[in-house]
PDB file of N, CA and C in Angstrom:
ATOM      1  N   UNK A   1     -17.775   1.001  12.701  1.00  0.00           N
ATOM      2  CA  UNK A   1     -17.845   2.411  12.114  1.00  0.00           C
ATOM      3  C   UNK A   1     -16.337   1.992  11.228  1.00  0.00           C
ATOM      4  N   UNK A   2     -16.396   2.572  10.182  1.00  0.00           N
ATOM      5  CA  UNK A   2     -15.087   2.175   9.395  1.00  0.00           C
ATOM      6  C   UNK A   2     -14.083   3.576   9.817  1.00  0.00           C
ATOM      7  N   UNK A   3     -12.860   3.082  10.099  1.00  0.00           N
ATOM      8  CA  UNK A   3     -11.574   3.893  10.211  1.00  0.00           C
ATOM      9  C   UNK A   3     -11.097   4.111   9.005  1.00  0.00           C
ATOM     10  N   UNK A   4     -10.140   4.833   8.669  1.00  0.00           N
ATOM     11  CA  UNK A   4      -9.290   5.688   7.741  1.00  0.00           C
ATOM     12  C   UNK A   4      -8.056   4.550   7.945  1.00  0.00           C
ATOM     13  N   UNK A   5      -7.632   3.878   7.005  1.00  0.00           N
ATOM     14  CA  UNK A   5      -6.135   3.241   7.221  1.00  0.00           C
ATOM     15  C   UNK A   5      -5.042   3.895   6.046  1.00  0.00           C
ATOM     16  N   UNK A   6      -3.962   3.299   6.381  1.00  0.00           N
ATOM     17  CA  UNK A   6      -2.759   3.377   5.092  1.00  0.00           C
ATOM     18  C   UNK A   6      -2.207   1.779   5.202  1.00  0.00           C
ATOM     19  N   UNK A   7      -1.786   1.590   4.198  1.00  0.00           N
ATOM     20  CA  UNK A   7      -0.592   0.586   4.441  1.00  0.00           C
ATOM     21  C   UNK A   7       0.502   0.713   3.255  1.00  0.00           C
ATOM     22  N   UNK A   8       1.463   0.128   3.774  1.00  0.00           N
ATOM     23  CA  UNK A   8       2.497   0.428   2.402  1.00  0.00           C
ATOM     24  C   UNK A   8       3.174  -0.695   2.686  1.00  0.00           C
ATOM     25  N   UNK A   9       4.002  -1.046   1.238  1.00  0.00           N
ATOM     26  CA  UNK A   9       4.491  -2.602   1.433  1.00  0.00           C
ATOM     27  C   UNK A   9       5.314  -2.563   0.113  1.00  0.00           C
ATOM     28  N   UNK A  10       6.490  -3.159   0.479  1.00  0.00           N
ATOM     29  CA  UNK A  10       7.789  -3.319  -0.269  1.00  0.00           C
ATOM     30  C   UNK A  10       8.063  -4.725  -0.951  1.00  0.00           C
ATOM     31  N   UNK A  11       7.905  -4.371  -2.290  1.00  0.00           N
ATOM     32  CA  UNK A  11       7.906  -6.122  -3.064  1.00  0.00           C
ATOM     33  C   UNK A  11       9.552  -6.500  -3.938  1.00  0.00           C
ATOM     34  N   UNK A  12       9.950  -7.267  -3.170  1.00  0.00           N
ATOM     35  CA  UNK A  12      10.887  -7.425  -3.572  1.00  0.00           C
ATOM     36  C   UNK A  12      11.529  -7.161  -5.457  1.00  0.00           C
ATOM     37  N   UNK A  13      12.759  -6.810  -5.487  1.00  0.00           N
ATOM     38  CA  UNK A  13      13.539  -6.315  -6.909  1.00  0.00           C
ATOM     39  C   UNK A  13      13.331  -7.221  -8.177  1.00  0.00           C
ATOM     40  N   UNK A  14      13.086  -8.553  -8.189  1.00  0.00           N
ATOM     41  CA  UNK A  14      12.813  -9.418  -8.998  1.00  0.00           C
ATOM     42  C   UNK A  14      11.975  -9.641  -9.541  1.00  0.00           C
ATOM     43  N   UNK A  15      10.925  -9.100  -9.380  1.00  0.00           N
ATOM     44  CA  UNK A  15       9.878  -9.041 -10.127  1.00  0.00           C
ATOM     45  C   UNK A  15       9.564  -8.298 -11.195  1.00  0.00           C
ATOM     46  N   UNK A  16       8.948  -8.512 -12.414  1.00  0.00           N
ATOM     47  CA  UNK A  16       8.658  -8.173 -13.732  1.00  0.00           C
ATOM     48  C   UNK A  16       7.319  -7.094 -13.244  1.00  0.00           C
ATOM     49  N   UNK A  17       7.386  -6.208 -13.999  1.00  0.00           N
ATOM     50  CA  UNK A  17       6.066  -4.990 -14.035  1.00  0.00           C
ATOM     51  C   UNK A  17       4.800  -6.168 -13.427  1.00  0.00           C
ATOM     52  N   UNK A  18       4.685  -6.661 -14.721  1.00  0.00           N
ATOM     53  CA  UNK A  18       3.165  -7.445 -14.560  1.00  0.00           C
ATOM     54  C   UNK A  18       3.205  -8.052 -13.456  1.00  0.00           C
ATOM     55  N   UNK A  19       4.338  -9.110 -12.762  1.00  0.00           N
ATOM     56  CA  UNK A  19       4.198  -9.814 -11.189  1.00  0.00           C
ATOM     57  C   UNK A  19       3.900  -8.619 -10.256  1.00  0.00           C
ATOM     58  N   UNK A  20       4.710  -7.525 -10.198  1.00  0.00           N
ATOM     59  CA  UNK A  20       4.431  -6.084  -9.283  1.00  0.00           C
ATOM     60  C   UNK A  20       2.395  -6.185  -9.478  1.00  0.00           C
ATOM     61  N   UNK A  21       2.281  -5.406 -10.450  1.00  0.00           N
ATOM     62  CA  UNK A  21       0.882  -5.304 -10.175  1.00  0.00           C
ATOM     63  C   UNK A  21       0.199  -6.320  -9.809  1.00  0.00           C
ATOM     64  N   UNK A  22       0.416  -7.702 -10.066  1.00  0.00           N
ATOM     65  CA  UNK A  22      -0.416  -8.998  -9.827  1.00  0.00           C
ATOM     66  C   UNK A  22      -0.363  -8.669  -8.286  1.00  0.00           C
ATOM     67  N   UNK A  23       0.547  -8.341  -7.705  1.00  0.00           N
ATOM     68  CA  UNK A  23       1.126  -8.536  -6.294  1.00  0.00           C
ATOM     69  C   UNK A  23      -0.144  -7.550  -5.687  1.00  0.00           C
ATOM     70  N   UNK A  24       0.066  -6.457  -6.254  1.00  0.00           N
ATOM     71  CA  UNK A  24      -0.868  -5.440  -5.560  1.00  0.00           C
ATOM     72  C   UNK A  24      -2.412  -5.707  -5.572  1.00  0.00           C
ATOM     73  N   UNK A  25      -2.657  -5.992  -6.942  1.00  0.00           N
ATOM     74  CA  UNK A  25      -4.242  -6.466  -7.168  1.00  0.00           C
ATOM     75  C   UNK A  25      -4.999  -7.635  -6.380  1.00  0.00           C
ATOM     76  N   UNK A  26      -4.006  -8.272  -6.054  1.00  0.00           N
ATOM     77  CA  UNK A  26      -4.054  -9.793  -4.930  1.00  0.00           C
ATOM     78  C   UNK A  26      -4.694  -8.814  -3.385  1.00  0.00           C
ATOM     79  N   UNK A  27      -3.903  -7.572  -3.116  1.00  0.00           N
ATOM     80  CA  UNK A  27      -3.458  -7.196  -1.641  1.00  0.00           C
ATOM     81  C   UNK A  27      -4.655  -6.775  -1.572  1.00  0.00           C
ATOM     82  N   UNK A  28      -5.631  -5.701  -2.963  1.00  0.00           N
ATOM     83  CA  UNK A  28      -6.377  -4.914  -2.911  1.00  0.00           C
ATOM     84  C   UNK A  28      -7.930  -5.669  -2.973  1.00  0.00           C
ATOM     85  N   UNK A  29      -7.515  -6.895  -3.549  1.00  0.00           N
ATOM     86  CA  UNK A  29      -8.918  -8.077  -3.787  1.00  0.00           C
ATOM     87  C   UNK A  29      -9.104  -8.621  -2.452  1.00  0.00           C
ATOM     88  N   UNK A  30      -8.099  -8.472  -1.206  1.00  0.00           N
ATOM     89  CA  UNK A  30      -8.058  -8.760  -0.280  1.00  0.00           C
ATOM     90  C   UNK A  30      -8.685  -8.307   0.345  1.00  0.00           C
ATOM     91  N   UNK A  31      -8.477  -6.703   0.603  1.00  0.00           N
ATOM     92  CA  UNK A  31      -9.189  -5.836   1.248  1.00  0.00           C
ATOM     93  C   UNK A  31     -10.673  -5.522   0.866  1.00  0.00           C
ATOM     94  N   UNK A  32     -11.008  -5.901  -0.457  1.00  0.00           N
ATOM     95  CA  UNK A  32     -12.308  -5.220  -1.087  1.00  0.00           C
ATOM     96  C   UNK A  32     -13.315  -6.403  -0.617  1.00  0.00           C
ATOM     97  N   UNK A  33     -12.703  -7.948  -0.371  1.00  0.00           N
ATOM     98  CA  UNK A  33     -13.812  -8.974  -0.284  1.00  0.00           C
ATOM     99  C   UNK A  33     -13.645  -8.917   1.328  1.00  0.00           C
ATOM    100  N   UNK A  34     -12.952  -8.449   2.422  1.00  0.00           N
ATOM    101  CA  UNK A  34     -13.321  -8.012   3.699  1.00  0.00           C
ATOM    102  C   UNK A  34     -14.013  -7.043   3.917  1.00  0.00           C
ATOM    103  N   UNK A  35     -14.794  -6.286   2.990  1.00  0.00           N
ATOM    104  CA  UNK A  35     -15.578  -5.325   2.707  1.00  0.00           C
ATOM    105  C   UNK A  35     -15.036  -3.791   3.060  1.00  0.00           C
ATOM    106  N   UNK A  36     -13.666  -3.787   2.476  1.00  0.00           N
ATOM    107  CA  UNK A  36     -12.927  -2.266   2.659  1.00  0.00           C
ATOM    108  C   UNK A  36     -12.928  -1.448   1.544  1.00  0.00           C
ATOM    109  N   UNK A  37     -13.194  -0.376   1.657  1.00  0.00           N
ATOM    110  CA  UNK A  37     -13.360   0.872   0.237  1.00  0.00           C
ATOM    111  C   UNK A  37     -11.839   1.163   0.236  1.00  0.00           C
ATOM    112  N   UNK A  38     -10.996   1.088  -0.919  1.00  0.00           N
ATOM    113  CA  UNK A  38      -9.845   1.618  -1.393  1.00  0.00           C
ATOM    114  C   UNK A  38     -10.647   2.722  -1.769  1.00  0.00           C
ATOM    115  N   UNK A  39      -9.350   4.209  -1.114  1.00  0.00           N
ATOM    116  CA  UNK A  39      -9.783   5.262  -1.394  1.00  0.00           C
ATOM    117  C   UNK A  39      -8.293   5.966  -2.748  1.00  0.00           C
ATOM    118  N   UNK A  40      -7.429   5.438  -2.324  1.00  0.00           N
ATOM    119  CA  UNK A  40      -6.345   6.188  -3.052  1.00  0.00           C
ATOM    120  C   UNK A  40      -5.437   4.753  -3.277  1.00  0.00           C
ATOM    121  N   UNK A  41      -4.929   4.705  -4.126  1.00  0.00           N
ATOM    122  CA  UNK A  41      -3.604   3.768  -4.668  1.00  0.00           C
ATOM    123  C   UNK A  41      -2.283   4.546  -5.254  1.00  0.00           C
ATOM    124  N   UNK A  42      -1.034   4.126  -4.381  1.00  0.00           N
ATOM    125  CA  UNK A  42       0.099   4.788  -5.390  1.00  0.00           C
ATOM    126  C   UNK A  42       1.032   3.892  -5.611  1.00  0.00           C
ATOM    127  N   UNK A  43       1.603   4.237  -6.886  1.00  0.00           N
ATOM    128  CA  UNK A  43       2.685   3.146  -7.239  1.00  0.00           C
ATOM    129  C   UNK A  43       4.076   3.921  -7.237  1.00  0.00           C
ATOM    130  N   UNK A  44       4.804   4.046  -5.696  1.00  0.00           N
ATOM    131  CA  UNK A  44       6.487   4.285  -5.913  1.00  0.00           C
ATOM    132  C   UNK A  44       6.985   4.045  -6.921  1.00  0.00           C
ATOM    133  N   UNK A  45       7.093   2.830  -7.002  1.00  0.00           N
ATOM    134  CA  UNK A  45       8.153   2.855  -7.987  1.00  0.00           C
ATOM    135  C   UNK A  45       9.125   1.964  -7.030  1.00  0.00           C
ATOM    136  N   UNK A  46      10.413   1.754  -8.108  1.00  0.00           N
ATOM    137  CA  UNK A  46      11.588   0.843  -7.596  1.00  0.00           C
ATOM    138  C   UNK A  46      12.636   1.729  -6.885  1.00  0.00           C
ATOM    139  N   UNK A  47      12.859   1.683  -5.459  1.00  0.00           N
ATOM    140  CA  UNK A  47      13.616   2.696  -4.839  1.00  0.00           C
ATOM    141  C   UNK A  47      14.684   1.964  -4.009  1.00  0.00           C
ATOM    142  N   UNK A  48      15.430   2.847  -4.093  1.00  0.00           N
ATOM    143  CA  UNK A  48      16.688   2.321  -3.170  1.00  0.00           C
ATOM    144  C   UNK A  48      16.063   1.803  -1.649  1.00  0.00           C
ATOM    145  N   UNK A  49      16.813   0.916  -0.505  1.00  0.00           N
ATOM    146  CA  UNK A  49      16.163   0.946   0.599  1.00  0.00           C
ATOM    147  C   UNK A  49      17.278   1.537   1.107  1.00  0.00           C
ATOM    148  N   UNK A  50      17.156   1.812   2.344  1.00  0.00           N
ATOM    149  CA  UNK A  50      18.226   2.468   3.457  1.00  0.00           C
ATOM    150  C   UNK A  50      19.136   0.893   4.065  1.00  0.00           C
ATOM    151  N   UNK A  51      18.655  -0.194   4.149  1.00  0.00           N
ATOM    152  CA  UNK A  51      19.774  -1.114   4.492  1.00  0.00           C
ATOM    153  C   UNK A  51      19.026  -2.096   3.554  1.00  0.00           C
ATOM    154  N   UNK A  52      20.222  -2.937   3.360  1.00  0.00           N
ATOM    155  CA  UNK A  52      19.560  -4.029   2.490  1.00  0.00           C
ATOM    156  C   UNK A  52      18.501  -4.873   3.432  1.00  0.00           C
ATOM    157  N   UNK A  53      17.174  -5.745   2.726  1.00  0.00           N
ATOM    158  CA  UNK A  53      16.354  -6.924   3.290  1.00  0.00           C
ATOM    159  C   UNK A  53      16.832  -8.003   2.654  1.00  0.00           C
ATOM    160  N   UNK A  54      17.386  -8.899   3.184  1.00  0.00           N
ATOM    161  CA  UNK A  54      16.980 -10.368   2.639  1.00  0.00           C
ATOM    162  C   UNK A  54      18.350 -10.223   1.248  1.00  0.00           C
ATOM    163  N   UNK A  55      19.007  -9.493   1.404  1.00  0.00           N
ATOM    164  CA  UNK A  55      20.787  -9.086   0.690  1.00  0.00           C
ATOM    165  C   UNK A  55      19.674  -8.659  -0.890  1.00  0.00           C
ATOM    166  N   UNK A  56      18.476  -7.515  -0.399  1.00  0.00           N
ATOM    167  CA  UNK A  56      18.624  -7.187  -1.980  1.00  0.00           C
ATOM    168  C   UNK A  56      18.398  -5.657  -1.193  1.00  0.00           C
ATOM    169  N   UNK A  57      19.093  -4.439  -2.013  1.00  0.00           N
ATOM    170  CA  UNK A  57      19.362  -3.214  -1.810  1.00  0.00           C
ATOM    171  C   UNK A  57      17.904  -2.311  -2.459  1.00  0.00           C
ATOM    172  N   UNK A  58      17.227  -2.697  -3.264  1.00  0.00           N
ATOM    173  CA  UNK A  58      16.253  -2.294  -3.373  1.00  0.00           C
ATOM    174  C   UNK A  58      14.769  -2.792  -3.814  1.00  0.00           C
ATOM    175  N   UNK A  59      13.818  -2.154  -3.775  1.00  0.00           N
ATOM    176  CA  UNK A  59      12.469  -2.908  -3.818  1.00  0.00           C
ATOM    177  C   UNK A  59      11.366  -2.196  -4.183  1.00  0.00           C
ATOM    178  N   UNK A  60      10.226  -2.684  -4.812  1.00  0.00           N
ATOM    179  CA  UNK A  60       8.994  -1.700  -5.356  1.00  0.00           C
ATOM    180  C   UNK A  60       8.109  -1.287  -3.923  1.00  0.00           C
ATOM    181  N   UNK A  61       7.651   0.156  -3.870  1.00  0.00           N
ATOM    182  CA  UNK A  61       6.998   0.393  -3.245  1.00  0.00           C
ATOM    183  C   UNK A  61       5.746   0.607  -3.859  1.00  0.00           C
ATOM    184  N   UNK A  62       4.649   0.532  -2.243  1.00  0.00           N
ATOM    185  CA  UNK A  62       3.233   0.649  -3.202  1.00  0.00           C
ATOM    186  C   UNK A  62       2.612   1.146  -1.985  1.00  0.00           C
ATOM    187  N   UNK A  63       1.364   2.009  -1.803  1.00  0.00           N
ATOM    188  CA  UNK A  63       0.928   2.308  -0.868  1.00  0.00           C
ATOM    189  C   UNK A  63      -0.646   2.214  -1.395  1.00  0.00           C
ATOM    190  N   UNK A  64      -1.699   2.105  -0.444  1.00  0.00           N
ATOM    191  CA  UNK A  64      -2.677   1.618  -0.458  1.00  0.00           C
ATOM    192  C   UNK A  64      -3.490   2.448   0.836  1.00  0.00           C
ATOM    193  N   UNK A  65      -4.565   3.150   0.448  1.00  0.00           N
ATOM    194  CA  UNK A  65      -5.152   4.152   1.297  1.00  0.00           C
ATOM    195  C   UNK A  65      -6.953   3.589   1.446  1.00  0.00           C
ATOM    196  N   UNK A  66      -7.153   3.089   2.447  1.00  0.00           N
ATOM    197  CA  UNK A  66      -8.732   2.480   2.596  1.00  0.00           C
ATOM    198  C   UNK A  66      -9.388   2.973   3.329  1.00  0.00           C
ATOM    199  N   UNK A  67     -10.793   2.736   3.984  1.00  0.00           N
ATOM    200  CA  UNK A  67     -11.368   2.611   4.615  1.00  0.00           C
ATOM    201  C   UNK A  67     -11.927   1.577   5.158  1.00  0.00           C
ATOM    202  N   UNK A  68     -11.996   1.103   6.604  1.00  0.00           N
ATOM    203  CA  UNK A  68     -12.469  -0.584   6.714  1.00  0.00           C
ATOM    204  C   UNK A  68     -12.387  -0.483   8.012  1.00  0.00           C
ATOM    205  N   UNK A  69     -13.281  -1.856   8.657  1.00  0.00           N
ATOM    206  CA  UNK A  69     -13.425  -2.279   9.786  1.00  0.00           C
ATOM    207  C   UNK A  69     -12.008  -2.452  10.620  1.00  0.00           C
ATOM    208  N   UNK A  70     -11.725  -2.753  11.906  1.00  0.00           N
ATOM    209  CA  UNK A  70     -10.390  -2.980  12.620  1.00  0.00           C
ATOM    210  C   UNK A  70      -9.930  -4.244  11.865  1.00  0.00           C
ATOM    211  N   UNK A  71     -10.974  -5.203  11.753  1.00  0.00           N
ATOM    212  CA  UNK A  71     -10.794  -6.710  11.866  1.00  0.00           C
ATOM    213  C   UNK A  71      -9.839  -7.023  10.375  1.00  0.00           C
ATOM    214  N   UNK A  72      -9.950  -6.098   9.453  1.00  0.00           N
ATOM    215  CA  UNK A  72      -9.751  -6.385   8.373  1.00  0.00           C
ATOM    216  C   UNK A  72      -8.146  -6.510   8.192  1.00  0.00           C
ATOM    217  N   UNK A  73      -7.192  -5.339   9.236  1.00  0.00           N
ATOM    218  CA  UNK A  73      -5.857  -5.397   9.281  1.00  0.00           C
ATOM    219  C   UNK A  73      -5.327  -6.646   9.301  1.00  0.00           C
ATOM    220  N   UNK A  74      -6.095  -7.414  10.206  1.00  0.00           N
ATOM    221  CA  UNK A  74      -5.477  -8.661  10.957  1.00  0.00           C
ATOM    222  C   UNK A  74      -5.575 -10.073   9.360  1.00  0.00           C
ATOM    223  N   UNK A  75      -6.226  -9.629   8.587  1.00  0.00           N
ATOM    224  CA  UNK A  75      -6.594 -10.681   7.713  1.00  0.00           C
ATOM    225  C   UNK A  75      -5.469 -10.283   6.385  1.00  0.00           C
ATOM    226  N   UNK A  76      -5.390  -8.696   6.429  1.00  0.00           N
ATOM    227  CA  UNK A  76      -4.045  -8.369   5.205  1.00  0.00           C
ATOM    228  C   UNK A  76      -3.142  -8.446   5.313  1.00  0.00           C
ATOM    229  N   UNK A  77      -2.476  -8.048   7.018  1.00  0.00           N
ATOM    230  CA  UNK A  77      -1.307  -8.550   7.081  1.00  0.00           C
ATOM    231  C   UNK A  77      -0.997 -10.172   7.243  1.00  0.00           C
ATOM    232  N   UNK A  78      -2.038 -10.873   7.691  1.00  0.00           N
ATOM    233  CA  UNK A  78      -1.460 -12.313   7.581  1.00  0.00           C
ATOM    234  C   UNK A  78      -1.216 -12.659   6.057  1.00  0.00           C
ATOM    235  N   UNK A  79      -1.596 -12.223   5.367  1.00  0.00           N
ATOM    236  CA  UNK A  79      -1.654 -12.287   3.631  1.00  0.00           C
ATOM    237  C   UNK A  79      -0.071 -11.745   3.742  1.00  0.00           C
ATOM    238  N   UNK A  80       0.160 -10.796   3.935  1.00  0.00           N
ATOM    239  CA  UNK A  80       1.575 -10.223   3.691  1.00  0.00           C
ATOM    240  C   UNK A  80       2.384 -10.771   4.224  1.00  0.00           C
ATOM    241  N   UNK A  81       2.446 -11.757   5.630  1.00  0.00           N
ATOM    242  CA  UNK A  81       3.359 -12.644   5.908  1.00  0.00           C
ATOM    243  C   UNK A  81       3.678 -13.859   4.846  1.00  0.00           C
ATOM    244  N   UNK A  82       2.562 -14.113   4.645  1.00  0.00           N
ATOM    245  CA  UNK A  82       2.294 -15.483   4.061  1.00  0.00           C
ATOM    246  C   UNK A  82       3.129 -15.264   2.479  1.00  0.00           C
ATOM    247  N   UNK A  83       2.974 -13.958   1.622  1.00  0.00           N
ATOM    248  CA  UNK A  83       3.666 -14.053   0.495  1.00  0.00           C
ATOM    249  C   UNK A  83       5.038 -13.673   0.112  1.00  0.00           C
ATOM    250  N   UNK A  84       5.538 -14.295  -0.085  1.00  0.00           N
ATOM    251  CA  UNK A  84       7.289 -14.200  -0.179  1.00  0.00           C
ATOM    252  C   UNK A  84       7.766 -13.027  -0.877  1.00  0.00           C
ATOM    253  N   UNK A  85       6.634 -12.582  -1.871  1.00  0.00           N
ATOM    254  CA  UNK A  85       7.170 -11.621  -2.726  1.00  0.00           C
ATOM    255  C   UNK A  85       7.155  -9.856  -1.800  1.00  0.00           C
ATOM    256  N   UNK A  86       6.756 -10.034  -0.427  1.00  0.00           N
ATOM    257  CA  UNK A  86       6.655  -8.761   0.232  1.00  0.00           C
ATOM    258  C   UNK A  86       8.089  -8.782   0.924  1.00  0.00           C
ATOM    259  N   UNK A  87       8.722  -7.513   0.873  1.00  0.00           N
ATOM    260  CA  UNK A  87      10.016  -7.775   1.803  1.00  0.00           C
ATOM    261  C   UNK A  87       9.765  -7.221   3.141  1.00  0.00           C
ATOM    262  N   UNK A  88       8.978  -5.892   3.115  1.00  0.00           N
ATOM    263  CA  UNK A  88       8.604  -5.311   4.465  1.00  0.00           C
ATOM    264  C   UNK A  88       7.106  -4.646   4.207  1.00  0.00           C
ATOM    265  N   UNK A  89       6.141  -4.537   5.395  1.00  0.00           N
ATOM    266  CA  UNK A  89       5.161  -3.609   5.105  1.00  0.00           C
ATOM    267  C   UNK A  89       4.495  -2.843   6.635  1.00  0.00           C
ATOM    268  N   UNK A  90       3.947  -1.954   6.330  1.00  0.00           N
ATOM    269  CA  UNK A  90       3.393  -1.352   7.639  1.00  0.00           C
ATOM    270  C   UNK A  90       2.270  -0.620   7.321  1.00  0.00           C
ATOM    271  N   UNK A  91       1.169  -0.932   8.285  1.00  0.00           N
ATOM    272  CA  UNK A  91       0.078  -0.528   8.326  1.00  0.00           C
ATOM    273  C   UNK A  91      -0.852   0.184   9.283  1.00  0.00           C
ATOM    274  N   UNK A  92      -1.181   1.306   9.192  1.00  0.00           N
ATOM    275  CA  UNK A  92      -1.523   2.146  10.215  1.00  0.00           C
ATOM    276  C   UNK A  92      -3.267   3.016  10.339  1.00  0.00           C
ATOM    277  N   UNK A  93      -3.546   2.747  11.132  1.00  0.00           N
ATOM    278  CA  UNK A  93      -4.906   3.862  11.314  1.00  0.00           C
ATOM    279  C   UNK A  93      -4.528   5.270  11.326  1.00  0.00           C
ATOM    280  N   UNK A  94      -5.307   6.246  10.158  1.00  0.00           N
ATOM    281  CA  UNK A  94      -5.048   7.516  10.067  1.00  0.00           C
ATOM    282  C   UNK A  94      -6.098   8.386  11.088  1.00  0.00           C
ATOM    283  N   UNK A  95      -5.366   9.322  12.007  1.00  0.00           N
ATOM    284  CA  UNK A  95      -5.947  10.122  13.093  1.00  0.00           C
ATOM    285  C   UNK A  95      -6.524  11.269  11.779  1.00  0.00           C
ATOM    286  N   UNK A  96      -7.514  12.188  12.374  1.00  0.00           N
ATOM    287  CA  UNK A  96      -8.097  13.455  11.943  1.00  0.00           C
ATOM    288  C   UNK A  96      -7.008  14.079  10.998  1.00  0.00           C
ATOM    289  N   UNK A  97      -5.862  14.551  11.633  1.00  0.00           N
ATOM    290  CA  UNK A  97      -4.772  15.138  11.168  1.00  0.00           C
ATOM    291  C   UNK A  97      -4.332  14.500  10.097  1.00  0.00           C
ATOM    292  N   UNK A  98      -3.856  13.419  10.232  1.00  0.00           N
ATOM    293  CA  UNK A  98      -3.356  12.486   9.001  1.00  0.00           C
ATOM    294  C   UNK A  98      -4.134  12.326   8.165  1.00  0.00           C
ATOM    295  N   UNK A  99      -5.522  12.050   8.214  1.00  0.00           N
ATOM    296  CA  UNK A  99      -6.179  12.186   7.285  1.00  0.00           C
ATOM    297  C   UNK A  99      -6.792  12.995   6.565  1.00  0.00           C
ATOM    298  N   UNK A 100      -6.937  14.287   7.089  1.00  0.00           N
ATOM    299  CA  UNK A 100      -6.817  15.857   6.070  1.00  0.00           C
ATOM    300  C   UNK A 100      -5.277  15.840   5.450  1.00  0.00           C
ATOM    301  N   UNK A 101      -4.028  15.501   5.758  1.00  0.00           N
ATOM    302  CA  UNK A 101      -3.303  15.882   5.269  1.00  0.00           C
ATOM    303  C   UNK A 101      -3.323  15.229   3.742  1.00  0.00           C
ATOM    304  N   UNK A 102      -3.485  13.588   4.368  1.00  0.00           N
ATOM    305  CA  UNK A 102      -3.675  12.469   3.222  1.00  0.00           C
ATOM    306  C   UNK A 102      -4.310  12.765   2.268  1.00  0.00           C
ATOM    307  N   UNK A 103      -5.561  13.382   2.356  1.00  0.00           N
ATOM    308  CA  UNK A 103      -6.694  14.018   1.668  1.00  0.00           C
ATOM    309  C   UNK A 103      -6.175  15.609   0.878  1.00  0.00           C
ATOM    310  N   UNK A 104      -5.462  16.602   1.453  1.00  0.00           N
ATOM    311  CA  UNK A 104      -4.897  17.303   0.321  1.00  0.00           C
ATOM    312  C   UNK A 104      -3.653  16.524  -0.560  1.00  0.00           C
ATOM    313  N   UNK A 105      -2.820  15.888   0.148  1.00  0.00           N
ATOM    314  CA  UNK A 105      -1.798  15.223  -0.843  1.00  0.00           C
ATOM    315  C   UNK A 105      -2.382  14.972  -2.570  1.00  0.00           C
ATOM    316  N   UNK A 106      -3.823  13.812  -1.732  1.00  0.00           N
ATOM    317  CA  UNK A 106      -4.264  13.343  -2.873  1.00  0.00           C
ATOM    318  C   UNK A 106      -4.893  14.405  -3.882  1.00  0.00           C
ATOM    319  N   UNK A 107      -5.598  15.704  -3.307  1.00  0.00           N
ATOM    320  CA  UNK A 107      -6.030  16.575  -4.208  1.00  0.00           C
ATOM    321  C   UNK A 107      -4.845  17.119  -4.556  1.00  0.00           C
ATOM    322  N   UNK A 108      -3.532  17.307  -4.554  1.00  0.00           N
ATOM    323  CA  UNK A 108      -2.834  17.759  -5.218  1.00  0.00           C
ATOM    324  C   UNK A 108      -2.308  17.176  -6.441  1.00  0.00           C
ATOM    325  N   UNK A 109      -1.710  16.188  -5.844  1.00  0.00           N
ATOM    326  CA  UNK A 109      -1.730  14.964  -6.926  1.00  0.00           C
ATOM    327  C   UNK A 109      -3.009  14.820  -8.153  1.00  0.00           C
ATOM    328  N   UNK A 110      -4.089  15.054  -7.621  1.00  0.00           N
ATOM    329  CA  UNK A 110      -5.041  14.609  -8.702  1.00  0.00           C
ATOM    330  C   UNK A 110      -4.554  16.302 -10.021  1.00  0.00           C
ATOM    331  N   UNK A 111      -4.265  17.038  -9.232  1.00  0.00           N
ATOM    332  CA  UNK A 111      -4.160  18.904  -9.789  1.00  0.00           C
ATOM    333  C   UNK A 111      -3.402  18.518 -10.730  1.00  0.00           C
ATOM    334  N   UNK A 112      -1.861  17.994 -10.150  1.00  0.00           N
ATOM    335  CA  UNK A 112      -0.909  18.013 -11.119  1.00  0.00           C
ATOM    336  C   UNK A 112      -1.057  17.012 -12.339  1.00  0.00           C
ATOM    337  N   UNK A 113      -1.897  15.791 -12.225  1.00  0.00           N
ATOM    338  CA  UNK A 113      -1.821  15.047 -13.038  1.00  0.00           C
ATOM    339  C   UNK A 113      -3.019  15.732 -14.443  1.00  0.00           C
ATOM    340  N   UNK A 114      -3.751  16.265 -13.980  1.00  0.00           N
ATOM    341  CA  UNK A 114      -4.792  16.944 -14.676  1.00  0.00           C
ATOM    342  C   UNK A 114      -3.940  18.397 -15.769  1.00  0.00           C
ATOM    343  N   UNK A 115      -3.065  18.979 -14.906  1.00  0.00           N
ATOM    344  CA  UNK A 115      -2.263  20.007 -16.010  1.00  0.00           C
ATOM    345  C   UNK A 115      -1.144  19.201 -16.590  1.00  0.00           C
ATOM    346  N   UNK A 116      -0.841  18.526 -16.659  1.00  0.00           N
ATOM    347  CA  UNK A 116       0.144  17.546 -17.195  1.00  0.00           C
ATOM    348  C   UNK A 116      -0.529  16.635 -18.434  1.00  0.00           C
TER     349      UNK A 116
END
């Protein structure tokens, strides 16, 4: 059975836009290679960190929502740990209420894009 997951990761701010997109594509490829289906992707851009991490005060935030087996998370997090561009990451399984909220947020976001 596939579970609904969400992962957020912060990339180092010294990357160019091309390098940042390349890193995001790398993690998306890891997910799809392991049988995950990506349902949503959001790039939150460069944001200020609450506290410095590795002497950096900003970072590129990215969110991926996907459906996968539980074994995929271990492979993904291993790759996060090996990649020096990743400052922090968090992956978690969405329960039914969080999944409903994520779907509602995704539909509102798509409506805003269509209106603009």
